[in-house]
Every structure is written in structure tokens, then in C-alpha cells.
Amino acid sequence: MMARPTSILLAPCLAFLLLAVPIATASAQQKDPLLLDELLERVRSGWRAETAANEKREAAFRSARAEQKKLLDRARADLAAEEQRSTQLEQSFERNELKITEQEDLLKQRLGTLGELFGVVRQVAGDTRSQVENSLISAQFQGRREFLDKLGQSKALPSIGSLEKLWATLLQEMTESSKVVRFEANVVQVNGEEIPQQVIRVGAFNAVAGGKFLKWIPDVEKLGEVGRQPAPKFVSTVSKLESATSGIVKFAIDPARGQILALLMATPSFRERIDLGGVVGYTIIVLGSLTFVFGIFRLIYVFAVSRQVATQKKRSKPAGNPLGRVLQVYTDNKQFDTETLELKLEEQVLKETAKIEGFLWVIKVVSAVAPLMGLLGTVTGMINTFQIITLFGTGDPKLMASGISEALVTTMLGLIAAIPLVLMHSLLSSMARGVTNVLEEQTTGLIALQSEAEGAGGPTVESA
């Protein structure tokens, strides 16, 4: 058995040696060439070693093949057992599903109207949760929202303890709404800092601290200071409430639980309304104010002149007033003829009339210009509004509020400035006309006296 493989291997080896002899002789002359027998022996020993390794591998493979077969048989046995177990579980699941259905039907029959009752309980829990979340009472009694969340979202039947706790929460919310209490709480300031303060809670309507109104912040479950307080007439009631220990106190309550307070905070003040008028609005205010002050001074002057003229009518001696100066002209020019005296008196009356009615035209002009300036502001405001509509559309009315406010505020300011100025001009014109009528009346009387004196043959003096 060994000769045949040896001969098969020997032929190529000999051929290799024959080809390699020239190279060996050419490259390495220092070593002696191997004998043919030695080379054959080496080939045989290598073949024997390789054969032994192959046999060892075959033995290991046969041993592993038996082990793999055992593992395969075990896996097949496990698979069969699991398939049998799966079949049993499926049958058990189907039986349990039928049993659950039967038990649910039995539960519905036995519950009867209790199912609707528990549905109502969950609904009441949800409604109470919304009310508690936005209630000022939660600032003093925290931790109620978690229980109501759990009860409202639960699908299981509520316990007697849960029902009693829900009833206690509703009763607490109702009773605390009628109390005015003091308690310590952390108040979030406008700058974001939290400061412990003594808070006064008026039912579920308002909370105050440090002389200011507070608001409830549901997201963080804390009280916060209102950034912009309402009108001073409302804020002044806070100090009265904080200083009171008993009895009845006047206090501004928001029955809408913060909604009216928010509207009051959003209402612009008088200064903010004026600012909405822009440049045109301030121009109307300045022009109207200056004209009104000037009219007050003119009114005082005309009133004083009217009183002086009325007093002069009761006296015969001329004094330093318009009528006195007219009488003085008459006294100083009695020697002239009636026509000359009449001209001099008329000249003096015209001078006094100019002083009395002077600059009344300013009030009249401003009273007419103020509404026109208000109309100008209306036009510019509407132009701004249409520009905003062109850019942003009509989706957000707040964007158009500035232009509409400018249009309305300037119109309002123009009317506010014009109405008192018109009334003042009418009053001043009436008073000035009364004084000038007295002067004209007295002048006519003096001319009549002079004419009678000339007709009676009194002495006449030629004019120079």
C-alpha cells in the first residue's frame, strides 16, 4: 500500500531535483549535494507525518459529528416540547379569554347603575382638577392635583377612600372660598426672584402681599407679583386689608377670579393713551394748552375791565379804566364842537375796543384748527393701518391697533382742545362786546349832552 504512493510522489520529486541541480551547483558550491536516498527518506518521513495529522483530524471530526448529532437530537426534543407547551398555552389563553368575557358581563350585570356612577366620579374628578389647578386656594393647599389626575384617568373602580377624599377636596374648595386667611408662601417677584411673604387670600378671588395684587401661576404652582398693578383706587384698598385685624374692610374683589384684574392691567393709562396719538396728538395738546392758558388770562383781564367799567358808571370822576379814559377825553375837549368831540370820542372808543378784543382771534383760530389737526391724525393713523394690512393681512387685529388708536386718539384730542376754546371764545366775545356797548352807549350820551348844550346857546369855542 505504501509503494504506489511513493512511486507517484517520487517521479515529480526526481524531476524537480533534476531541474534544480544546475541551479544548486551554480548558486551554492560550498554545500555538498544531497544523496538521492536521503532525499527519498525525507519525502517519506514528511508524508508519514501528514498522514498522521490527517488521521487525527478525521478522528476529531467523527467525534464532533457524534456530539453534533446529540445536540441536534436535544434541540429537536426541546422544539417538540415547546410546541406542545405553546399549544397548551394557546388553549389556556382561549379558555381565559372566554372566562374574562363571561366575568366582564357578570360584572356589568352586578354593577348595574354603579358603572355610570363611577363614570360620573371620573368626570367630576377631571372637572375638579381643572378648577383646583386654576384656584388661588391651591397656593395654600398644594398636592391636590396629583390625586385628582390619578382618579380622573383611572379605569379601575375607585375605592371608598378615594371617594371620600374627592368629597373632602370639593368640600375644602367650597369652604375655603368663603374665608379670608393669612399664610406664608414664596412669592415670585417681577425680576424672577422668590421671596417668602405673608399672603392674604380673599376666598378664591384675590391674593395680596406687600401692598400689591398677586396672581396664581398654574404651571409652576406658585403665586407671582402682578407686573402692572391696576388703578391706584384699587391698589389703595390692599393696605387697608393688610392693616385690618377684624371687622369689615373695603377691598376691591375680582369676582371673575383674575379675569377682570387682567383686563384692568391691560387697559392703557391716560399717559399711554396720549402716547398713542403720536406727534400730532402732542402738537394738539401743546397748542391747545397754550391757547387755553392765554384765554384764561384774557378772561381775567376782560372780567376786571368789565368790573371797572361798571364801577366807573357810578362815579363822576374819571379813573384809569376804558370808560374813565373816554370821560377824560370828553372833559378835556368840551370846548370843541359836537362833530369834533364825537370824532375824538369815537377814536378813544376804538382804542379801548382794540385793547379789550385784542388777540381773541387766536382763540378762535386754534379752536378751528384743533379739529382739523385731529382729522389729520385720523388720516395718518388710517394710512398706517392700511400699510400694516398690506404687509401682514388682517389675521391679527393687534397689529392694526396702533394705527386705529392713533386715528381715534388724535380725533379725541382735537375735540377736547376745540370744545373749551370755542366756549371760551364765545364767553370772551360776549364780555368784550358788553364792555364796548357800554363805551358806545356812554359816548352817545356824552355827544347828546354836548349837542344839547350847543342848542341851548351855550358858549362855543372855535377849534384851533
Protein backbone atom coordinates (compact mmCIF):
# COMPACT_ATOMS: atom_id res chain seq x y z
CA MET A 1 0.00 0.00 0.00
CA MET A 2 2.91 2.32 0.60
CA ALA A 3 4.80 1.56 -2.70
CA ARG A 4 2.25 3.07 -5.00
CA PRO A 5 2.02 6.45 -3.36
CA THR A 6 5.77 6.51 -3.05
CA SER A 7 6.29 5.97 -6.73
CA ILE A 8 3.68 8.59 -7.52
CA LEU A 9 5.39 11.15 -5.33
CA LEU A 10 8.89 10.11 -6.39
CA ALA A 11 8.52 10.91 -10.05
CA PRO A 12 7.80 14.61 -9.60
CA CYS A 13 10.39 14.88 -6.89
CA LEU A 14 13.06 13.44 -9.14
CA ALA A 15 12.05 15.74 -11.92
CA PHE A 16 12.27 18.66 -9.52
CA LEU A 17 15.70 17.57 -8.40
CA LEU A 18 16.90 17.23 -11.95
CA LEU A 19 15.75 20.72 -12.74
CA ALA A 20 17.18 22.11 -9.54
CA VAL A 21 20.63 20.58 -9.86
CA PRO A 22 22.05 23.16 -12.23
CA ILE A 23 20.76 25.97 -10.14
CA ALA A 24 22.15 24.47 -6.97
CA THR A 25 25.51 23.88 -8.50
CA ALA A 26 25.55 27.34 -9.89
CA SER A 27 24.44 29.15 -6.76
CA ALA A 28 25.96 27.21 -3.86
CA GLN A 29 29.14 25.28 -4.43
CA GLN A 30 30.11 25.31 -0.77
CA LYS A 31 27.46 22.67 0.30
CA ASP A 32 27.54 19.04 -0.76
CA PRO A 33 24.50 17.93 -2.79
CA LEU A 34 22.03 15.62 -1.07
CA LEU A 35 22.09 11.99 -1.96
CA LEU A 36 19.03 10.58 -3.69
CA ASP A 37 18.33 8.14 -0.89
CA GLU A 38 18.44 10.82 1.73
CA LEU A 39 16.03 12.94 -0.26
CA LEU A 40 13.69 9.98 -0.67
CA GLU A 41 13.80 9.30 3.03
CA ARG A 42 12.91 12.86 3.83
CA VAL A 43 9.94 12.76 1.49
CA ARG A 44 8.70 9.56 3.10
CA SER A 45 9.01 10.96 6.63
CA GLY A 46 7.05 14.12 5.62
CA TRP A 47 4.34 12.03 4.03
CA ARG A 48 4.03 9.90 7.19
CA ALA A 49 3.68 12.99 9.37
CA GLU A 50 0.99 14.44 7.11
CA THR A 51 -0.87 11.14 7.07
CA ALA A 52 -0.85 11.01 10.89
CA ALA A 53 -2.24 14.59 11.09
CA ASN A 54 -4.99 13.74 8.64
CA GLU A 55 -5.98 10.68 10.60
CA LYS A 56 -6.11 12.73 13.76
CA ARG A 57 -8.36 15.28 12.05
CA GLU A 58 -10.66 12.52 10.79
CA ALA A 59 -10.95 11.10 14.30
CA ALA A 60 -11.75 14.51 15.76
CA PHE A 61 -14.38 15.10 13.05
CA ARG A 62 -16.00 11.73 13.73
CA SER A 63 -16.08 12.51 17.46
CA ALA A 64 -17.53 16.01 16.85
CA ARG A 65 -20.09 14.58 14.43
CA ALA A 66 -21.46 12.36 17.15
CA GLU A 67 -21.60 15.28 19.54
CA GLN A 68 -23.40 17.47 16.98
CA LYS A 69 -25.91 14.73 16.43
CA LYS A 70 -26.60 14.59 20.15
CA LEU A 71 -27.08 18.37 20.22
CA LEU A 72 -29.40 18.22 17.21
CA ASP A 73 -31.45 15.50 18.83
CA ARG A 74 -31.66 17.52 22.02
CA ALA A 75 -32.74 20.67 20.10
CA ARG A 76 -35.42 18.69 18.27
CA ALA A 77 -36.68 17.34 21.57
CA ASP A 78 -36.78 20.86 23.05
CA LEU A 79 -38.63 22.16 19.98
CA ALA A 80 -41.23 19.45 20.28
CA ALA A 81 -41.66 20.19 23.99
CA GLU A 82 -42.04 23.94 23.35
CA GLU A 83 -44.53 23.36 20.56
CA GLN A 84 -46.57 21.20 22.88
CA ARG A 85 -46.32 23.87 25.58
CA SER A 86 -47.34 26.56 23.07
CA THR A 87 -50.38 24.53 22.13
CA GLN A 88 -51.31 24.18 25.77
CA LEU A 89 -50.84 27.95 26.36
CA GLU A 90 -52.99 28.82 23.36
CA GLN A 91 -55.74 26.58 24.64
CA SER A 92 -55.37 28.12 28.10
CA PHE A 93 -55.45 31.65 26.62
CA GLU A 94 -58.65 30.90 24.73
CA ARG A 95 -60.26 29.46 27.86
CA ASN A 96 -59.15 32.52 29.90
CA GLU A 97 -60.42 34.90 27.24
CA LEU A 98 -63.83 33.27 27.34
CA LYS A 99 -63.77 33.36 31.11
CA ILE A 100 -62.80 37.08 31.14
CA THR A 101 -65.66 37.87 28.79
CA GLU A 102 -68.06 35.97 31.00
CA GLN A 103 -66.73 37.71 34.10
CA GLU A 104 -66.99 41.16 32.48
CA ASP A 105 -70.58 40.50 31.54
CA LEU A 106 -71.25 39.29 35.06
CA LEU A 107 -69.54 42.41 36.45
CA LYS A 108 -71.67 44.68 34.28
CA GLN A 109 -74.81 42.88 35.43
CA ARG A 110 -73.88 43.12 39.07
CA LEU A 111 -72.67 46.72 38.84
CA GLY A 112 -75.85 47.95 37.20
CA THR A 113 -76.01 51.73 37.63
CA LEU A 114 -72.74 51.76 39.62
CA GLY A 115 -70.84 51.85 36.32
CA GLU A 116 -72.48 55.12 35.40
CA LEU A 117 -71.80 56.36 38.92
CA PHE A 118 -68.09 55.65 38.62
CA GLY A 119 -68.08 57.37 35.23
CA VAL A 120 -69.57 60.42 36.87
CA VAL A 121 -66.91 60.18 39.58
CA ARG A 122 -64.14 60.28 36.99
CA GLN A 123 -65.82 63.21 35.23
CA VAL A 124 -66.20 65.11 38.49
CA ALA A 125 -62.55 64.37 39.30
CA GLY A 126 -61.49 65.83 35.95
CA ASP A 127 -63.63 68.95 36.38
CA THR A 128 -62.39 69.41 39.94
CA ARG A 129 -58.83 69.02 38.74
CA SER A 130 -59.25 71.91 36.29
CA GLN A 131 -60.83 74.06 38.97
CA VAL A 132 -58.17 73.21 41.56
CA GLU A 133 -55.37 73.86 39.07
CA ASN A 134 -56.52 77.44 38.47
CA SER A 135 -57.68 78.16 42.02
CA LEU A 136 -55.88 80.51 44.41
CA ILE A 137 -56.67 78.07 47.19
CA SER A 138 -54.04 75.72 45.74
CA ALA A 139 -51.40 78.24 46.81
CA GLN A 140 -52.19 77.34 50.43
CA PHE A 141 -53.15 73.67 49.94
CA GLN A 142 -50.79 72.09 47.43
CA GLY A 143 -50.60 68.50 46.24
CA ARG A 144 -54.28 68.09 45.40
CA ARG A 145 -53.84 67.97 41.64
CA GLU A 146 -51.89 64.67 41.62
CA PHE A 147 -54.67 62.77 43.38
CA LEU A 148 -57.32 64.19 41.05
CA ASP A 149 -55.21 63.34 37.99
CA LYS A 150 -54.87 59.75 39.12
CA LEU A 151 -58.57 59.42 39.94
CA GLY A 152 -59.72 61.02 36.70
CA GLN A 153 -57.53 58.83 34.50
CA SER A 154 -58.03 55.57 36.40
CA LYS A 155 -60.02 52.81 34.68
CA ALA A 156 -60.38 50.74 37.81
CA LEU A 157 -63.19 51.06 40.32
CA PRO A 158 -62.43 53.81 42.84
CA SER A 159 -62.12 52.81 46.45
CA ILE A 160 -64.18 54.18 49.31
CA GLY A 161 -61.14 56.14 50.47
CA SER A 162 -60.75 57.79 47.05
CA LEU A 163 -64.42 58.75 47.00
CA GLU A 164 -64.16 60.24 50.48
CA LYS A 165 -61.01 62.17 49.50
CA LEU A 166 -62.74 63.54 46.41
CA TRP A 167 -65.67 64.64 48.56
CA ALA A 168 -63.27 66.24 51.06
CA THR A 169 -61.49 68.13 48.24
CA LEU A 170 -64.78 69.52 46.94
CA LEU A 171 -65.85 70.49 50.45
CA GLN A 172 -62.48 72.14 51.12
CA GLU A 173 -62.69 74.16 47.90
CA MET A 174 -66.19 75.30 48.81
CA THR A 175 -65.47 76.26 52.42
CA GLU A 176 -62.14 77.97 51.69
CA SER A 177 -63.83 80.13 49.05
CA SER A 178 -65.66 81.95 51.85
CA LYS A 179 -62.62 82.65 54.06
CA VAL A 180 -60.11 85.45 54.33
CA VAL A 181 -56.89 83.87 55.59
CA ARG A 182 -53.24 84.74 56.07
CA PHE A 183 -50.45 82.26 55.30
CA GLU A 184 -46.77 82.20 54.40
CA ALA A 185 -45.80 81.46 50.82
CA ASN A 186 -42.99 82.09 48.35
CA VAL A 187 -43.96 84.91 46.00
CA VAL A 188 -42.27 85.24 42.60
CA GLN A 189 -41.25 88.86 42.07
CA VAL A 190 -41.24 90.68 38.76
CA ASN A 191 -37.49 90.08 38.40
CA GLY A 192 -37.96 86.31 38.90
CA GLU A 193 -36.72 86.17 42.49
CA GLU A 194 -38.73 84.21 45.05
CA ILE A 195 -39.29 85.90 48.41
CA PRO A 196 -41.22 84.41 51.34
CA GLN A 197 -44.05 86.77 52.26
CA GLN A 198 -47.23 86.80 54.28
CA VAL A 199 -50.06 86.43 51.80
CA ILE A 200 -53.69 87.36 52.38
CA ARG A 201 -56.11 85.27 50.38
CA VAL A 202 -59.66 86.56 49.92
CA GLY A 203 -61.54 83.36 49.16
CA ALA A 204 -60.72 82.12 45.67
CA PHE A 205 -60.89 85.63 44.21
CA ASN A 206 -57.78 87.64 45.08
CA ALA A 207 -54.44 87.31 46.84
CA VAL A 208 -52.34 90.25 48.04
CA ALA A 209 -48.93 90.69 49.65
CA GLY A 210 -46.71 93.69 50.29
CA GLY A 211 -49.39 96.16 49.24
CA LYS A 212 -49.77 94.62 45.78
CA PHE A 213 -52.12 92.25 44.00
CA LEU A 214 -50.82 88.75 43.25
CA LYS A 215 -51.66 86.26 40.54
CA TRP A 216 -51.70 82.47 40.56
CA ILE A 217 -49.31 80.76 38.11
CA PRO A 218 -50.69 77.23 37.49
CA ASP A 219 -47.66 75.99 35.52
CA VAL A 220 -45.28 76.31 38.48
CA GLU A 221 -47.99 76.27 41.19
CA LYS A 222 -46.77 79.49 42.77
CA LEU A 223 -48.00 83.00 43.46
CA GLY A 224 -46.46 85.78 41.42
CA GLU A 225 -46.45 89.54 41.71
CA VAL A 226 -48.51 91.33 39.09
CA GLY A 227 -46.14 93.28 36.88
CA ARG A 228 -48.56 96.10 36.29
CA GLN A 229 -50.92 96.94 39.09
CA PRO A 230 -54.44 98.24 38.41
CA ALA A 231 -55.56 101.82 39.07
CA PRO A 232 -54.45 103.43 42.38
CA LYS A 233 -58.02 103.50 43.65
CA PHE A 234 -57.95 99.70 43.65
CA VAL A 235 -54.40 99.30 44.95
CA SER A 236 -55.13 101.62 47.90
CA THR A 237 -57.61 99.06 49.26
CA VAL A 238 -54.82 96.48 49.67
CA SER A 239 -53.13 98.36 52.52
CA LYS A 240 -56.46 98.67 54.30
CA LEU A 241 -56.94 94.92 54.11
CA GLU A 242 -53.40 94.16 55.32
CA SER A 243 -53.65 96.50 58.30
CA ALA A 244 -57.09 95.25 59.37
CA THR A 245 -57.41 92.56 62.03
CA SER A 246 -61.18 92.26 62.23
CA GLY A 247 -64.40 93.87 61.12
CA ILE A 248 -65.49 94.92 57.64
CA VAL A 249 -62.90 96.35 55.26
CA LYS A 250 -63.38 97.97 51.88
CA PHE A 251 -61.48 95.91 49.33
CA ALA A 252 -61.59 95.56 45.54
CA ILE A 253 -62.52 91.94 44.75
CA ASP A 254 -62.33 90.36 41.32
CA PRO A 255 -65.38 88.07 41.15
CA ALA A 256 -64.08 86.60 37.87
CA ARG A 257 -61.06 85.14 39.69
CA GLY A 258 -58.40 87.20 37.93
CA GLN A 259 -60.00 87.87 34.57
CA ILE A 260 -61.17 91.38 35.42
CA LEU A 261 -57.80 92.09 37.05
CA ALA A 262 -56.07 91.03 33.84
CA LEU A 263 -58.33 93.33 31.82
CA LEU A 264 -57.57 96.23 34.17
CA MET A 265 -53.86 95.57 33.78
CA ALA A 266 -54.20 95.52 30.01
CA THR A 267 -56.15 98.80 29.99
CA PRO A 268 -53.77 101.60 28.95
CA SER A 269 -53.29 104.50 31.31
CA PHE A 270 -54.01 108.14 30.44
CA ARG A 271 -50.36 108.73 29.56
CA GLU A 272 -50.28 105.65 27.34
CA ARG A 273 -53.42 106.77 25.54
CA ILE A 274 -51.82 110.15 24.90
CA ASP A 275 -48.69 108.43 23.58
CA LEU A 276 -50.82 106.61 21.02
CA GLY A 277 -51.62 109.97 19.41
CA GLY A 278 -48.04 110.42 18.29
CA VAL A 279 -46.60 113.74 17.16
CA VAL A 280 -49.96 115.10 16.01
CA GLY A 281 -51.50 114.38 19.39
CA TYR A 282 -48.75 116.13 21.32
CA THR A 283 -48.94 119.11 18.95
CA ILE A 284 -52.66 119.44 19.63
CA ILE A 285 -52.06 119.22 23.38
CA VAL A 286 -49.33 121.85 23.40
CA LEU A 287 -51.18 124.26 21.11
CA GLY A 288 -54.49 123.80 22.93
CA SER A 289 -52.89 124.16 26.37
CA LEU A 290 -51.04 127.36 25.49
CA THR A 291 -54.15 128.84 23.90
CA PHE A 292 -56.29 127.85 26.89
CA VAL A 293 -53.85 129.48 29.33
CA PHE A 294 -53.81 132.59 27.18
CA GLY A 295 -57.60 132.59 27.13
CA ILE A 296 -57.69 132.37 30.94
CA PHE A 297 -55.53 135.45 31.21
CA ARG A 298 -57.68 137.29 28.67
CA LEU A 299 -60.79 136.21 30.55
CA ILE A 300 -59.38 137.61 33.79
CA TYR A 301 -58.45 140.85 32.04
CA VAL A 302 -61.84 141.32 30.37
CA PHE A 303 -63.64 140.46 33.60
CA ALA A 304 -61.55 143.01 35.51
CA VAL A 305 -62.21 145.66 32.85
CA SER A 306 -65.94 144.91 32.95
CA ARG A 307 -65.99 145.39 36.72
CA GLN A 308 -64.02 148.62 36.43
CA VAL A 309 -66.40 149.98 33.79
CA ALA A 310 -69.40 149.03 35.91
CA THR A 311 -67.86 150.87 38.88
CA GLN A 312 -66.99 153.90 36.73
CA LYS A 313 -70.62 154.27 35.68
CA LYS A 314 -71.46 155.05 39.30
CA ARG A 315 -68.78 157.71 39.62
CA SER A 316 -68.43 161.15 38.05
CA LYS A 317 -64.68 161.46 38.32
CA PRO A 318 -62.76 159.67 35.54
CA ALA A 319 -60.44 156.84 36.62
CA GLY A 320 -57.89 154.57 34.92
CA ASN A 321 -60.29 152.34 33.01
CA PRO A 322 -61.70 152.37 29.47
CA LEU A 323 -64.83 154.32 30.43
CA GLY A 324 -62.80 156.69 32.60
CA ARG A 325 -60.46 157.42 29.72
CA VAL A 326 -63.46 158.12 27.45
CA LEU A 327 -64.87 160.52 30.05
CA GLN A 328 -61.49 162.12 30.37
CA VAL A 329 -61.46 162.79 26.61
CA TYR A 330 -64.90 164.35 26.94
CA THR A 331 -63.78 166.51 29.85
CA ASP A 332 -60.65 167.63 28.06
CA ASN A 333 -62.46 168.51 24.80
CA LYS A 334 -65.69 170.20 25.86
CA GLN A 335 -64.65 173.42 24.13
CA PHE A 336 -64.84 171.75 20.69
CA ASP A 337 -67.96 171.48 18.64
CA THR A 338 -70.13 168.38 18.70
CA GLU A 339 -68.76 166.89 15.50
CA THR A 340 -65.14 167.24 16.59
CA LEU A 341 -65.92 165.88 20.07
CA GLU A 342 -67.72 162.93 18.51
CA LEU A 343 -64.72 162.06 16.39
CA LYS A 344 -62.36 162.24 19.35
CA LEU A 345 -64.67 160.09 21.48
CA GLU A 346 -65.04 157.53 18.70
CA GLU A 347 -61.28 157.43 18.34
CA GLN A 348 -60.86 156.68 22.04
CA VAL A 349 -63.60 154.05 21.96
CA LEU A 350 -61.85 152.32 19.04
CA LYS A 351 -58.59 152.30 21.00
CA GLU A 352 -60.27 150.78 24.06
CA THR A 353 -62.16 148.26 21.93
CA ALA A 354 -58.91 147.12 20.31
CA LYS A 355 -57.38 146.56 23.76
CA ILE A 356 -60.39 144.64 25.04
CA GLU A 357 -60.90 142.45 21.97
CA GLY A 358 -57.21 142.09 21.20
CA PHE A 359 -55.89 138.58 20.34
CA LEU A 360 -59.33 136.98 20.64
CA TRP A 361 -58.78 135.84 17.08
CA VAL A 362 -56.00 133.50 18.36
CA ILE A 363 -58.50 131.55 20.43
CA LYS A 364 -60.93 131.41 17.54
CA VAL A 365 -58.28 130.18 15.09
CA VAL A 366 -56.95 127.48 17.43
CA SER A 367 -60.49 126.31 18.21
CA ALA A 368 -60.98 125.78 14.47
CA VAL A 369 -57.52 124.33 13.77
CA ALA A 370 -57.58 121.73 16.60
CA PRO A 371 -60.31 119.55 15.00
CA LEU A 372 -58.54 119.83 11.67
CA MET A 373 -55.32 118.57 13.27
CA GLY A 374 -57.33 115.76 14.84
CA LEU A 375 -58.60 114.89 11.37
CA LEU A 376 -55.02 114.94 10.13
CA GLY A 377 -54.09 112.43 12.82
CA THR A 378 -57.06 110.30 11.81
CA VAL A 379 -55.86 110.22 8.21
CA THR A 380 -52.26 109.37 9.13
CA GLY A 381 -53.46 106.67 11.54
CA MET A 382 -55.61 105.06 8.87
CA ILE A 383 -52.71 105.21 6.42
CA ASN A 384 -50.55 103.32 8.92
CA THR A 385 -53.35 100.80 9.44
CA PHE A 386 -53.67 100.11 5.72
CA GLN A 387 -49.91 99.73 5.42
CA ILE A 388 -49.95 97.10 8.19
CA ILE A 389 -52.87 95.32 6.49
CA THR A 390 -50.89 95.29 3.23
CA LEU A 391 -47.83 93.77 4.92
CA PHE A 392 -49.37 91.35 7.43
CA GLY A 393 -53.00 90.95 6.38
CA THR A 394 -55.99 91.08 8.72
CA GLY A 395 -55.28 87.90 10.66
CA ASP A 396 -54.10 89.62 13.86
CA PRO A 397 -56.17 92.65 14.94
CA LYS A 398 -53.48 93.66 17.45
CA LEU A 399 -51.17 94.67 14.62
CA MET A 400 -53.73 97.20 13.42
CA ALA A 401 -54.47 98.55 16.90
CA SER A 402 -51.68 101.14 16.86
CA GLY A 403 -52.89 102.84 13.67
CA ILE A 404 -56.55 102.80 14.72
CA SER A 405 -55.62 104.11 18.17
CA GLU A 406 -53.68 106.98 16.63
CA ALA A 407 -56.66 107.86 14.43
CA LEU A 408 -59.12 107.86 17.32
CA VAL A 409 -56.88 109.48 19.94
CA THR A 410 -55.94 112.42 17.72
CA THR A 411 -59.61 113.00 16.89
CA MET A 412 -60.44 112.89 20.59
CA LEU A 413 -57.65 115.33 21.46
CA GLY A 414 -58.71 117.71 18.71
CA LEU A 415 -62.27 117.79 20.03
CA ILE A 416 -61.10 118.12 23.64
CA ALA A 417 -58.98 121.11 22.67
CA ALA A 418 -61.63 122.73 20.43
CA ILE A 419 -64.71 122.48 22.67
CA PRO A 420 -63.42 124.53 25.64
CA LEU A 421 -61.72 127.02 23.32
CA VAL A 422 -64.96 127.60 21.43
CA LEU A 423 -66.81 128.15 24.69
CA MET A 424 -64.06 130.44 25.97
CA HIS A 425 -64.06 132.48 22.77
CA SER A 426 -67.81 132.88 22.95
CA LEU A 427 -67.63 133.98 26.58
CA LEU A 428 -64.80 136.43 25.94
CA SER A 429 -66.52 137.85 22.88
CA SER A 430 -69.73 138.32 24.84
CA MET A 431 -67.98 140.03 27.76
CA ALA A 432 -65.89 142.23 25.43
CA ARG A 433 -68.97 143.15 23.46
CA GLY A 434 -70.72 144.12 26.69
CA VAL A 435 -67.88 146.48 27.64
CA THR A 436 -67.73 148.04 24.17
CA ASN A 437 -71.51 148.50 24.21
CA VAL A 438 -71.21 150.42 27.47
CA LEU A 439 -68.47 152.57 25.99
CA GLU A 440 -70.54 153.27 22.88
CA GLU A 441 -73.60 153.96 24.98
CA GLN A 442 -71.75 156.41 27.20
CA THR A 443 -70.14 158.05 24.19
CA THR A 444 -73.51 158.56 22.55
CA GLY A 445 -74.81 160.09 25.77
CA LEU A 446 -71.88 162.49 26.02
CA ILE A 447 -72.35 163.59 22.42
CA ALA A 448 -76.03 164.15 23.11
CA LEU A 449 -75.18 166.32 26.14
CA GLN A 450 -72.76 168.34 24.06
CA SER A 451 -75.35 168.75 21.32
CA GLU A 452 -77.97 169.93 23.83
CA ALA A 453 -75.52 172.40 25.31
CA GLU A 454 -74.85 173.89 21.89
CA GLY A 455 -78.57 174.05 21.07
CA ALA A 456 -79.29 175.92 24.31
CA GLY A 457 -76.98 178.72 23.21
CA GLY A 458 -74.13 177.85 25.45
CA PRO A 459 -70.71 179.22 24.84
CA THR A 460 -68.87 177.75 21.94
CA VAL A 461 -65.20 177.82 21.32
CA GLU A 462 -63.67 177.68 17.89
CA SER A 463 -61.25 174.88 17.32
CA ALA A 464 -57.71 175.85 16.89
